[in-house]
Amino acid sequence: MNLTPIQQPVRRDRWGRYQVVNPTTGKLTGYTRATTVAKALDDGSGLIGWSKRMVALGLAVRPDLVALVSATGPDDKKALDQICERAAEAGGSTVRRDLGTAIHGMLEQSWSNPDYQAPQPYTADIVAVHEALKAAGLTVDTTLVERIVVDDTYQIAGTFDLMVRDSAGHLRVADIKTGSSLMGALSFAIQLAIYANADALYTQGPAANGSEDVREPMPELATDYGFIFHVQPQSGTCDIYTINLVAGLEALELAMDVRATTKLKPLAPYKAPATPTVEEAVEMVMAAFPGAEPVNYVNDQWRAWMTTRLLAIKAAGAIDALAMHWPTGVPAVPSGEPITIEQSIDIERAVSLCESNAGLAFPEPVEPLAAPKPTPISDRRPRPDEGADVPDDVVAIINGLAQSLSITDRSWVLGIITRCHNANYPIRMSGPGGKPTARRAAICTALVTLAPFGDEALVRALVGLAISEDLQPGHDLAAAFGSLTLDEAQRLQRLANAVANTFLVPIWGEDGVAITGDITAALAA
């Protein structure tokens, strides 16, 4: 295998994440550092206590920093943090880190140059590592030292220390630790499990936009265990440990769940619930009682038309006769109370009788209901084929993305899923009635991607593009989602990703939302 040489420096975004070209979108994307993910399950109390001690020791030897603290206001957090960092460094917080970096650099040179001699007082440390490897039957693969790898599923990237081949010929991931202890073994296992199960070796090219970056297939690696080489600077010893990568991979799933959970925002200002409109109330009842028939009421045009007829009857002196024939329990038209369609039929019957007896002309009829809405898409689209099942890890990824949404956005997604279920177009992937199918995976991924926009007009425009049909405001959005075919769902998923990554740009206008950009390219991505 022809592998690319070691790369430096690493290109990162403003949050310190690796900048990687996403293989799906083709866009430069921030991939979280493997070490960051690995620390998600760590108990930080030990590190916090150590940091406090370093600050205290630093202040003891730097009276100038103590003076700066006394001259800084208690609310100036930024200035106080900077003083604490300087005090911690004066107390020795960076010494171990810098020595570790130096040891890594010396070892890296020793792998590629057999004649390399490390400087004193670290010569014995480098020799100890080489002797420990030789005694254990391990050989360093010099083409696989300090390489970046990427995990596209979780969007994680990291740089492993080295790969070694054991006496049985298995290539295994290894990491060099120079700390005073090996506390945090679980994070080590997660970190090395990410490296061993990565999707590709990655080389960042010189172009800032990532256009010259290179992906290479991962070598065949053993994924049952890796190695930790523990060498403390100036100790002249090296201890070798195995690290369980199977346990690390299981812990990675939990670490990702923890990271998603920490993004939740459970606290929010209380807002009294708004009184629902008539339309919203009807929709809530229909959702709670599937199959119920909504009650329709007369519109304002019918009321005005009927009021004109009543005034004509009054002018003809027949209003008392109308009162005798008025249907029992039906509100008077001038009262403004709701009148159902059924009640309007009884009213028209009584009014027509009085008009006939009084010799009045019967006016042109008016429809008591508003103009009918466009035929819902659910009435003319069959229930689609689900496609093949998807693995459990795909379901877990989608659920993780949903959990990272705000409460409002998750409520929107759950509302669509519930409405699809009530319309007999289920899209749930897990739980009662759930099926982890390819069609549902694409729909749910699109829902999660679109939820943060919170704009129904945009969603309708994208669904319309996915089904190659203009989705009118009267069409039921849940039925549109639920009746998507596998191909349409995948088209919607690609369109949603393109909007989220600004490859497609929506423009709002009086007639709705227009989607600008190369839609054909977005659908082909």
Protein backbone atom coordinates (compact mmCIF):
# COMPACT_ATOMS: atom_id res chain seq x y z
CA MET A 1 0.00 0.00 0.00
CA ASN A 2 1.41 3.39 -1.05
CA LEU A 3 0.74 5.67 1.91
CA THR A 4 1.16 9.43 2.07
CA PRO A 5 4.03 10.77 4.24
CA ILE A 6 3.48 12.45 7.61
CA GLN A 7 1.65 15.77 7.36
CA GLN A 8 2.14 18.99 9.32
CA PRO A 9 0.69 21.28 10.44
CA VAL A 10 -2.92 20.26 11.11
CA ARG A 11 -5.60 22.58 9.69
CA ARG A 12 -8.29 23.30 12.28
CA ASP A 13 -11.35 25.54 12.62
CA ARG A 14 -11.86 28.18 15.32
CA TRP A 15 -13.08 25.53 17.79
CA GLY A 16 -9.94 23.45 17.33
CA ARG A 17 -11.70 20.78 15.27
CA TYR A 18 -9.99 19.11 12.32
CA GLN A 19 -11.14 20.55 9.00
CA VAL A 20 -12.17 17.61 6.83
CA VAL A 21 -13.93 17.46 3.46
CA ASN A 22 -17.21 15.66 4.14
CA PRO A 23 -17.48 12.73 1.68
CA THR A 24 -21.27 13.19 1.41
CA THR A 25 -21.57 16.95 0.98
CA GLY A 26 -18.12 17.74 -0.40
CA LYS A 27 -17.99 20.67 2.02
CA LEU A 28 -15.23 21.48 4.52
CA THR A 29 -16.56 20.29 7.89
CA GLY A 30 -15.30 20.51 11.46
CA TYR A 31 -14.57 17.00 12.80
CA THR A 32 -14.38 16.76 16.60
CA ARG A 33 -10.98 15.65 17.97
CA ALA A 34 -10.81 12.04 19.09
CA THR A 35 -9.26 13.12 22.40
CA THR A 36 -12.22 15.42 23.06
CA VAL A 37 -14.74 12.63 22.50
CA ALA A 38 -12.65 10.18 24.55
CA LYS A 39 -12.80 12.49 27.59
CA ALA A 40 -16.62 12.70 27.58
CA LEU A 41 -16.85 9.95 30.22
CA ASP A 42 -13.91 11.11 32.33
CA ASP A 43 -14.31 12.14 35.95
CA GLY A 44 -12.74 15.60 35.83
CA SER A 45 -12.35 15.98 39.59
CA GLY A 46 -8.71 14.81 39.57
CA LEU A 47 -7.74 17.24 36.82
CA ILE A 48 -9.61 20.10 38.48
CA GLY A 49 -7.81 19.46 41.77
CA TRP A 50 -4.45 19.28 40.01
CA SER A 51 -5.15 22.57 38.19
CA LYS A 52 -5.99 24.29 41.48
CA ARG A 53 -2.73 23.11 43.00
CA MET A 54 -0.73 24.39 40.02
CA VAL A 55 -2.37 27.83 40.36
CA ALA A 56 -1.61 27.92 44.08
CA LEU A 57 2.03 26.96 43.53
CA GLY A 58 2.39 29.54 40.79
CA LEU A 59 0.96 32.35 42.90
CA ALA A 60 3.39 31.39 45.68
CA VAL A 61 6.39 32.13 43.43
CA ARG A 62 4.87 35.03 41.46
CA PRO A 63 3.89 37.93 43.76
CA ASP A 64 3.33 40.05 40.66
CA LEU A 65 0.41 37.81 39.70
CA VAL A 66 -1.04 38.12 43.22
CA ALA A 67 -0.89 41.89 42.80
CA LEU A 68 -2.68 41.62 39.44
CA VAL A 69 -5.47 39.60 41.08
CA SER A 70 -5.99 42.25 43.75
CA ALA A 71 -6.15 44.95 41.07
CA THR A 72 -8.67 43.09 38.91
CA GLY A 73 -12.41 43.41 39.40
CA PRO A 74 -14.25 40.23 40.49
CA ASP A 75 -16.51 40.40 37.42
CA ASP A 76 -13.64 40.54 34.92
CA LYS A 77 -13.66 36.80 34.30
CA LYS A 78 -11.50 36.94 31.19
CA ALA A 79 -8.66 38.80 32.92
CA LEU A 80 -8.83 36.54 35.99
CA ASP A 81 -8.76 33.43 33.80
CA GLN A 82 -5.65 34.71 32.03
CA ILE A 83 -3.93 35.38 35.37
CA CYS A 84 -4.81 31.85 36.56
CA GLU A 85 -3.35 30.36 33.36
CA ARG A 86 -0.11 32.28 33.90
CA ALA A 87 -0.01 31.20 37.54
CA ALA A 88 -0.62 27.54 36.63
CA GLU A 89 2.22 27.69 34.10
CA ALA A 90 4.50 29.24 36.73
CA GLY A 91 3.51 26.37 39.05
CA GLY A 92 4.62 23.81 36.44
CA SER A 93 1.38 22.91 34.68
CA THR A 94 2.97 22.81 31.22
CA VAL A 95 6.24 21.10 32.10
CA ARG A 96 4.94 17.54 31.82
CA ARG A 97 3.05 18.35 28.64
CA ASP A 98 6.09 19.92 26.98
CA LEU A 99 8.33 17.00 28.01
CA GLY A 100 5.76 14.59 26.59
CA THR A 101 5.74 16.45 23.29
CA ALA A 102 9.53 16.32 23.22
CA ILE A 103 9.60 12.56 23.91
CA HIS A 104 7.07 11.98 21.11
CA GLY A 105 9.21 13.99 18.71
CA MET A 106 12.39 12.10 19.66
CA LEU A 107 10.69 8.74 19.23
CA GLU A 108 9.27 9.79 15.88
CA GLN A 109 12.78 10.62 14.66
CA SER A 110 14.13 7.35 16.03
CA TRP A 111 11.55 5.29 14.07
CA SER A 112 12.63 6.81 10.75
CA ASN A 113 16.39 7.10 11.47
CA PRO A 114 18.10 4.09 13.13
CA ASP A 115 21.23 6.23 13.75
CA TYR A 116 19.34 8.91 15.66
CA GLN A 117 20.70 9.65 19.16
CA ALA A 118 18.34 11.38 21.56
CA PRO A 119 19.89 14.18 23.66
CA GLN A 120 20.60 13.79 27.34
CA PRO A 121 18.95 13.35 29.77
CA TYR A 122 16.37 11.53 27.57
CA THR A 123 18.66 9.10 25.76
CA ALA A 124 17.82 6.28 28.17
CA ASP A 125 14.07 6.86 27.69
CA ILE A 126 14.25 6.42 23.92
CA VAL A 127 16.49 3.37 24.25
CA ALA A 128 14.09 1.85 26.79
CA VAL A 129 11.16 2.13 24.37
CA HIS A 130 13.07 0.41 21.57
CA GLU A 131 14.25 -2.37 23.86
CA ALA A 132 10.73 -2.92 25.25
CA LEU A 133 9.32 -3.21 21.72
CA LYS A 134 12.03 -5.65 20.69
CA ALA A 135 11.46 -7.80 23.78
CA ALA A 136 7.70 -7.90 23.07
CA GLY A 137 8.22 -8.86 19.41
CA LEU A 138 6.72 -5.61 18.15
CA THR A 139 7.88 -3.73 15.06
CA VAL A 140 6.96 -0.13 14.24
CA ASP A 141 5.47 0.46 10.77
CA THR A 142 7.36 3.65 9.86
CA THR A 143 4.78 4.55 7.18
CA LEU A 144 2.10 4.70 9.84
CA VAL A 145 3.43 7.17 12.38
CA GLU A 146 1.55 10.35 13.40
CA ARG A 147 -1.20 9.98 10.79
CA ILE A 148 -4.65 11.57 10.77
CA VAL A 149 -7.66 9.25 10.56
CA VAL A 150 -11.35 10.16 10.20
CA ASP A 151 -14.61 8.60 11.36
CA ASP A 152 -17.29 9.96 9.00
CA THR A 153 -20.21 8.42 10.88
CA TYR A 154 -19.62 10.48 14.02
CA GLN A 155 -17.51 13.17 12.30
CA ILE A 156 -14.46 12.54 14.48
CA ALA A 157 -10.80 12.95 13.50
CA GLY A 158 -7.57 12.31 15.34
CA THR A 159 -3.86 11.67 14.95
CA PHE A 160 -2.59 8.33 16.22
CA ASP A 161 1.00 7.95 17.49
CA LEU A 162 2.00 4.81 15.63
CA MET A 163 1.06 1.35 14.35
CA VAL A 164 3.02 -1.74 15.33
CA ARG A 165 3.05 -5.25 13.93
CA ASP A 166 3.13 -8.10 16.45
CA SER A 167 4.91 -11.44 16.14
CA ALA A 168 1.80 -12.98 14.54
CA GLY A 169 1.80 -10.34 11.79
CA HIS A 170 -1.21 -8.38 13.09
CA LEU A 171 -1.08 -4.62 12.71
CA ARG A 172 -2.22 -2.87 15.90
CA VAL A 173 -2.72 0.74 16.94
CA ALA A 174 -0.47 2.02 19.73
CA ASP A 175 -0.19 5.17 21.81
CA ILE A 176 2.67 6.67 23.83
CA LYS A 177 1.78 8.02 27.26
CA THR A 178 4.29 10.10 29.25
CA GLY A 179 2.21 11.06 32.28
CA SER A 180 3.12 10.17 35.83
CA SER A 181 0.26 7.63 35.89
CA LEU A 182 -2.16 5.89 33.53
CA MET A 183 -5.35 7.23 35.08
CA GLY A 184 -8.14 7.57 32.51
CA ALA A 185 -7.74 4.17 30.87
CA LEU A 186 -11.34 4.28 29.64
CA SER A 187 -10.64 7.42 27.62
CA PHE A 188 -7.50 5.72 26.23
CA ALA A 189 -9.66 2.78 25.11
CA ILE A 190 -12.17 5.09 23.40
CA GLN A 191 -9.42 7.08 21.72
CA LEU A 192 -7.63 4.03 20.30
CA ALA A 193 -10.92 2.37 19.34
CA ILE A 194 -11.69 5.44 17.20
CA TYR A 195 -8.32 5.09 15.46
CA ALA A 196 -8.64 1.33 14.92
CA ASN A 197 -12.17 1.57 13.50
CA ALA A 198 -11.72 4.74 11.44
CA ASP A 199 -13.06 5.04 7.89
CA ALA A 200 -9.95 6.43 6.21
CA LEU A 201 -6.44 7.79 6.53
CA TYR A 202 -6.59 11.51 5.80
CA THR A 203 -3.96 13.92 4.53
CA GLN A 204 -4.66 17.65 4.55
CA GLY A 205 -3.34 19.31 1.42
CA PRO A 206 -2.01 22.88 1.16
CA ALA A 207 -5.29 24.34 -0.19
CA ALA A 208 -7.24 26.13 2.53
CA ASN A 209 -10.57 24.94 1.12
CA GLY A 210 -9.55 21.28 1.34
CA SER A 211 -9.61 20.73 -2.42
CA GLU A 212 -6.17 19.09 -2.31
CA ASP A 213 -6.89 16.85 0.69
CA VAL A 214 -6.39 13.12 0.16
CA ARG A 215 -8.29 10.13 1.55
CA GLU A 216 -6.68 6.70 1.64
CA PRO A 217 -8.12 3.36 2.69
CA MET A 218 -7.32 2.18 6.18
CA PRO A 219 -4.81 -0.68 6.47
CA GLU A 220 -6.15 -3.95 7.84
CA LEU A 221 -6.02 -3.47 11.59
CA ALA A 222 -6.68 -5.74 14.55
CA THR A 223 -9.64 -4.33 16.49
CA ASP A 224 -9.61 -6.56 19.59
CA TYR A 225 -6.81 -4.75 21.44
CA GLY A 226 -4.06 -2.18 20.97
CA PHE A 227 -1.03 -1.09 22.97
CA ILE A 228 -0.13 1.66 25.43
CA PHE A 229 3.61 2.41 25.82
CA HIS A 230 4.17 4.19 29.13
CA VAL A 231 7.47 6.04 29.35
CA GLN A 232 8.04 8.81 31.87
CA PRO A 233 10.67 11.41 30.92
CA GLN A 234 14.06 10.74 32.52
CA SER A 235 12.89 7.41 33.97
CA GLY A 236 14.84 5.20 31.54
CA THR A 237 11.97 2.65 31.58
CA CYS A 238 9.10 1.71 29.30
CA ASP A 239 6.12 -0.43 30.31
CA ILE A 240 3.82 -1.98 27.70
CA TYR A 241 0.08 -2.47 28.31
CA THR A 242 -2.72 -3.82 26.16
CA ILE A 243 -5.88 -1.73 25.80
CA ASN A 244 -9.28 -3.34 25.11
CA LEU A 245 -10.64 -1.83 21.89
CA VAL A 246 -13.93 -3.75 22.02
CA ALA A 247 -14.75 -2.10 25.34
CA GLY A 248 -13.52 1.20 23.92
CA LEU A 249 -15.89 0.95 20.95
CA GLU A 250 -18.85 0.23 23.26
CA ALA A 251 -17.88 3.18 25.44
CA LEU A 252 -17.67 5.37 22.33
CA GLU A 253 -21.41 4.89 21.76
CA LEU A 254 -22.08 6.00 25.33
CA ALA A 255 -19.69 8.94 24.98
CA MET A 256 -21.57 10.17 21.91
CA ASP A 257 -24.88 9.88 23.80
CA VAL A 258 -23.39 11.87 26.67
CA ARG A 259 -22.15 14.59 24.30
CA ALA A 260 -25.58 14.79 22.68
CA THR A 261 -27.27 15.00 26.09
CA THR A 262 -25.04 17.86 27.24
CA LYS A 263 -26.32 19.92 24.31
CA LEU A 264 -29.90 19.76 25.56
CA LYS A 265 -31.39 22.94 27.00
CA PRO A 266 -33.82 21.75 29.67
CA LEU A 267 -34.24 25.17 31.29
CA ALA A 268 -36.32 27.83 29.56
CA PRO A 269 -38.41 30.85 30.62
CA TYR A 270 -41.99 29.86 31.35
CA LYS A 271 -44.55 30.95 28.77
CA ALA A 272 -48.23 30.53 29.43
CA PRO A 273 -49.78 28.31 26.75
CA ALA A 274 -51.55 30.31 24.06
CA THR A 275 -55.23 29.70 23.45
CA PRO A 276 -55.44 27.57 20.30
CA THR A 277 -57.31 28.82 17.26
CA VAL A 278 -60.35 26.92 16.05
CA GLU A 279 -58.24 25.28 13.35
CA GLU A 280 -55.58 24.25 15.88
CA ALA A 281 -58.21 22.90 18.27
CA VAL A 282 -59.77 20.80 15.51
CA GLU A 283 -56.32 19.48 14.55
CA MET A 284 -55.60 18.54 18.18
CA VAL A 285 -58.89 16.65 18.46
CA MET A 286 -58.29 14.86 15.17
CA ALA A 287 -54.82 13.81 16.38
CA ALA A 288 -56.19 12.56 19.70
CA PHE A 289 -59.16 10.74 18.14
CA PRO A 290 -58.12 9.28 14.76
CA GLY A 291 -61.07 8.83 12.46
CA ALA A 292 -63.22 11.53 14.11
CA GLU A 293 -65.13 13.79 11.74
CA PRO A 294 -64.51 17.52 12.27
CA VAL A 295 -67.52 19.83 12.78
CA ASN A 296 -67.77 22.48 10.05
CA TYR A 297 -69.25 25.92 10.69
CA VAL A 298 -70.75 28.44 8.27
CA ASN A 299 -68.52 31.19 6.94
CA ASP A 300 -68.97 34.97 7.11
CA GLN A 301 -70.20 35.16 3.50
CA TRP A 302 -73.13 32.86 4.31
CA ARG A 303 -73.98 34.91 7.44
CA ALA A 304 -74.09 38.14 5.41
CA TRP A 305 -76.22 36.48 2.74
CA MET A 306 -78.67 35.06 5.31
CA THR A 307 -78.85 38.41 7.17
CA THR A 308 -79.99 40.09 3.92
CA ARG A 309 -82.78 37.52 3.58
CA LEU A 310 -83.85 37.99 7.20
CA LEU A 311 -84.05 41.78 6.73
CA ALA A 312 -86.24 41.26 3.67
CA ILE A 313 -88.58 38.99 5.69
CA LYS A 314 -88.76 41.60 8.48
CA ALA A 315 -89.56 44.35 5.97
CA ALA A 316 -92.39 42.19 4.58
CA GLY A 317 -93.87 41.86 8.11
CA ALA A 318 -93.28 38.11 8.28
CA ILE A 319 -90.68 38.04 11.06
CA ASP A 320 -93.15 36.67 13.64
CA ALA A 321 -94.03 33.80 11.31
CA LEU A 322 -90.33 33.03 10.93
CA ALA A 323 -89.96 32.91 14.73
CA MET A 324 -92.64 30.22 14.83
CA HIS A 325 -90.77 28.08 12.30
CA TRP A 326 -87.23 28.73 13.62
CA PRO A 327 -85.53 25.39 14.41
CA THR A 328 -85.33 24.56 18.12
CA GLY A 329 -81.95 25.04 19.76
CA VAL A 330 -80.41 26.81 16.76
CA PRO A 331 -78.78 30.24 17.43
CA ALA A 332 -80.13 33.33 15.75
CA VAL A 333 -77.94 34.56 12.90
CA PRO A 334 -77.40 38.07 14.37
CA SER A 335 -76.22 36.54 17.67
CA GLY A 336 -72.78 35.76 16.18
CA GLU A 337 -72.76 32.34 17.83
CA PRO A 338 -71.25 29.43 15.83
CA ILE A 339 -73.70 27.78 13.44
CA THR A 340 -72.92 24.34 12.07
CA ILE A 341 -73.57 23.27 8.48
CA GLU A 342 -76.36 20.96 9.70
CA GLN A 343 -78.02 23.89 11.56
CA SER A 344 -77.67 26.11 8.49
CA ILE A 345 -79.77 23.59 6.49
CA ASP A 346 -82.59 23.83 9.08
CA ILE A 347 -82.36 27.64 8.99
CA GLU A 348 -82.57 27.75 5.20
CA ARG A 349 -85.60 25.46 5.27
CA ALA A 350 -87.47 27.80 7.69
CA VAL A 351 -86.41 30.98 5.85
CA SER A 352 -87.39 29.58 2.45
CA LEU A 353 -90.85 28.67 3.80
CA CYS A 354 -91.43 32.22 5.08
CA GLU A 355 -90.12 33.75 1.84
CA SER A 356 -92.53 31.58 -0.14
CA ASN A 357 -95.51 32.50 2.05
CA ALA A 358 -94.61 36.20 1.82
CA GLY A 359 -94.03 36.08 -1.95
CA LEU A 360 -90.41 37.11 -1.64
CA ALA A 361 -87.82 36.32 -4.31
CA PHE A 362 -85.42 33.54 -3.39
CA PRO A 363 -81.85 34.90 -3.69
CA GLU A 364 -78.94 33.21 -5.42
CA PRO A 365 -77.59 30.50 -3.04
CA VAL A 366 -74.25 30.93 -1.27
CA GLU A 367 -71.97 28.07 -0.19
CA PRO A 368 -71.88 28.05 3.66
CA LEU A 369 -68.35 26.61 3.69
CA ALA A 370 -65.17 28.27 2.48
CA ALA A 371 -63.82 27.17 -0.89
CA PRO A 372 -62.64 23.57 -0.60
CA LYS A 373 -58.95 23.06 0.08
CA PRO A 374 -56.76 21.26 -2.46
CA THR A 375 -57.11 17.53 -2.26
CA PRO A 376 -54.76 16.31 0.49
CA ILE A 377 -51.79 14.45 -0.87
CA SER A 378 -52.67 11.49 1.37
CA ASP A 379 -55.92 10.96 -0.60
CA ARG A 380 -54.12 10.22 -3.83
CA ARG A 381 -50.81 8.59 -2.90
CA PRO A 382 -50.54 4.92 -1.97
CA ARG A 383 -48.69 3.75 1.12
CA PRO A 384 -45.09 3.28 -0.14
CA ASP A 385 -42.71 0.34 0.06
CA GLU A 386 -40.35 0.61 3.05
CA GLY A 387 -37.16 -0.69 1.40
CA ALA A 388 -34.49 -2.73 3.15
CA ASP A 389 -33.83 -2.58 6.89
CA VAL A 390 -30.93 -0.42 8.13
CA PRO A 391 -28.46 -1.45 10.89
CA ASP A 392 -29.09 -0.52 14.53
CA ASP A 393 -26.11 1.85 14.52
CA VAL A 394 -27.81 3.97 11.83
CA VAL A 395 -30.92 4.21 14.01
CA ALA A 396 -28.72 5.19 16.96
CA ILE A 397 -27.05 7.95 14.93
CA ILE A 398 -30.39 9.42 13.86
CA ASN A 399 -31.72 9.25 17.41
CA GLY A 400 -28.54 10.97 18.62
CA LEU A 401 -29.02 13.78 16.10
CA ALA A 402 -32.64 14.17 17.25
CA GLN A 403 -31.58 14.31 20.90
CA SER A 404 -29.18 17.14 20.10
CA LEU A 405 -32.06 19.34 18.87
CA SER A 406 -33.72 21.93 21.05
CA ILE A 407 -36.93 20.97 22.84
CA THR A 408 -38.97 23.04 20.36
CA ASP A 409 -37.33 21.39 17.36
CA ARG A 410 -37.74 17.89 18.82
CA SER A 411 -41.41 18.61 19.49
CA TRP A 412 -41.84 19.56 15.84
CA VAL A 413 -40.24 16.30 14.70
CA LEU A 414 -42.31 14.20 17.14
CA GLY A 415 -45.45 16.04 16.04
CA ILE A 416 -44.85 15.12 12.39
CA ILE A 417 -44.11 11.49 13.34
CA THR A 418 -47.33 11.30 15.39
CA ARG A 419 -49.44 12.88 12.66
CA CYS A 420 -48.00 10.47 10.09
CA HIS A 421 -48.93 7.59 12.38
CA ASN A 422 -52.48 8.91 12.80
CA ALA A 423 -52.82 9.24 9.02
CA ASN A 424 -51.76 5.58 8.65
CA TYR A 425 -48.41 6.58 7.13
CA PRO A 426 -46.02 5.46 9.91
CA ILE A 427 -42.41 6.68 9.79
CA ARG A 428 -41.26 5.85 13.34
CA MET A 429 -37.96 3.89 13.37
CA SER A 430 -38.15 2.47 16.88
CA GLY A 431 -40.65 1.88 19.64
CA PRO A 432 -44.25 0.67 19.09
CA GLY A 433 -44.85 0.09 15.41
CA GLY A 434 -41.35 1.23 14.51
CA LYS A 435 -39.39 -0.29 11.64
CA PRO A 436 -35.73 0.57 10.97
CA THR A 437 -36.12 0.78 7.18
CA ALA A 438 -34.19 2.74 4.60
CA ARG A 439 -37.23 4.87 3.71
CA ARG A 440 -37.91 5.83 7.31
CA ALA A 441 -34.22 6.47 7.97
CA ALA A 442 -34.11 8.96 5.08
CA ILE A 443 -37.35 10.69 6.18
CA CYS A 444 -36.30 10.97 9.83
CA THR A 445 -32.85 12.26 8.87
CA ALA A 446 -34.48 14.92 6.68
CA LEU A 447 -36.87 15.84 9.52
CA VAL A 448 -34.01 16.26 12.00
CA THR A 449 -32.06 18.35 9.49
CA LEU A 450 -35.02 20.63 8.71
CA ALA A 451 -36.31 21.03 12.28
CA PRO A 452 -33.96 23.91 13.25
CA PHE A 453 -35.25 26.05 10.37
CA GLY A 454 -38.76 26.08 11.88
CA ASP A 455 -40.29 27.31 8.62
CA GLU A 456 -43.19 25.39 7.10
CA ALA A 457 -42.99 27.25 3.77
CA LEU A 458 -39.37 26.11 3.35
CA VAL A 459 -40.27 22.53 4.26
CA ARG A 460 -43.13 22.51 1.77
CA ALA A 461 -40.87 23.85 -0.96
CA LEU A 462 -38.29 21.09 -0.36
CA VAL A 463 -40.92 18.34 -0.17
CA GLY A 464 -42.37 19.66 -3.42
CA LEU A 465 -38.95 19.39 -5.08
CA ALA A 466 -38.51 15.88 -3.69
CA ILE A 467 -41.82 14.65 -5.18
CA SER A 468 -41.51 16.83 -8.32
CA GLU A 469 -44.86 18.42 -7.56
CA ASP A 470 -46.00 21.79 -6.22
CA LEU A 471 -47.06 21.16 -2.62
CA GLN A 472 -49.92 23.59 -1.98
CA PRO A 473 -50.57 25.10 1.48
CA GLY A 474 -53.73 22.99 1.78
CA HIS A 475 -51.86 19.72 1.49
CA ASP A 476 -51.31 17.97 4.79
CA LEU A 477 -47.59 18.13 5.57
CA ALA A 478 -47.58 14.96 7.69
CA ALA A 479 -49.29 12.97 4.96
CA ALA A 480 -46.75 14.33 2.47
CA PHE A 481 -43.87 13.11 4.64
CA GLY A 482 -45.52 9.79 5.39
CA SER A 483 -46.31 8.98 1.77
CA LEU A 484 -42.82 9.67 0.42
CA THR A 485 -41.36 6.79 -1.50
CA LEU A 486 -37.83 5.59 -0.72
CA ASP A 487 -36.45 7.51 -3.70
CA GLU A 488 -38.36 10.68 -2.78
CA ALA A 489 -37.27 10.41 0.86
CA GLN A 490 -33.63 10.15 -0.19
CA ARG A 491 -34.08 13.13 -2.52
CA LEU A 492 -35.54 15.13 0.38
CA GLN A 493 -32.63 14.10 2.62
CA ARG A 494 -30.11 15.34 0.05
CA LEU A 495 -32.01 18.61 -0.42
CA ALA A 496 -32.20 19.18 3.35
CA ASN A 497 -28.45 18.57 3.68
CA ALA A 498 -27.78 20.99 0.83
CA VAL A 499 -29.82 23.75 2.51
CA ALA A 500 -28.19 23.05 5.90
CA ASN A 501 -24.75 23.35 4.28
CA THR A 502 -25.79 26.49 2.31
CA PHE A 503 -25.20 24.70 -1.01
CA LEU A 504 -28.83 25.60 -1.74
CA VAL A 505 -30.18 28.94 -0.53
CA PRO A 506 -33.90 29.59 0.15
CA ILE A 507 -35.35 32.99 -0.74
CA TRP A 508 -38.63 34.01 0.87
CA GLY A 509 -41.16 35.99 -1.14
CA GLU A 510 -44.87 36.77 -1.31
CA ASP A 511 -45.56 33.57 -3.22
CA GLY A 512 -43.63 31.30 -0.84
CA VAL A 513 -40.06 30.08 -0.84
CA ALA A 514 -37.85 29.77 -3.90
CA ILE A 515 -34.84 27.45 -3.65
CA THR A 516 -31.78 28.85 -5.44
CA GLY A 517 -28.60 27.02 -6.37
CA ASP A 518 -27.72 23.91 -8.34
CA ILE A 519 -30.65 21.66 -7.38
CA THR A 520 -29.59 18.98 -9.85
CA ALA A 521 -26.14 18.76 -8.24
CA ALA A 522 -27.67 18.70 -4.77
CA LEU A 523 -29.92 15.78 -5.71
CA ALA A 524 -26.97 13.93 -7.22
CA ALA A 525 -24.74 14.39 -4.15
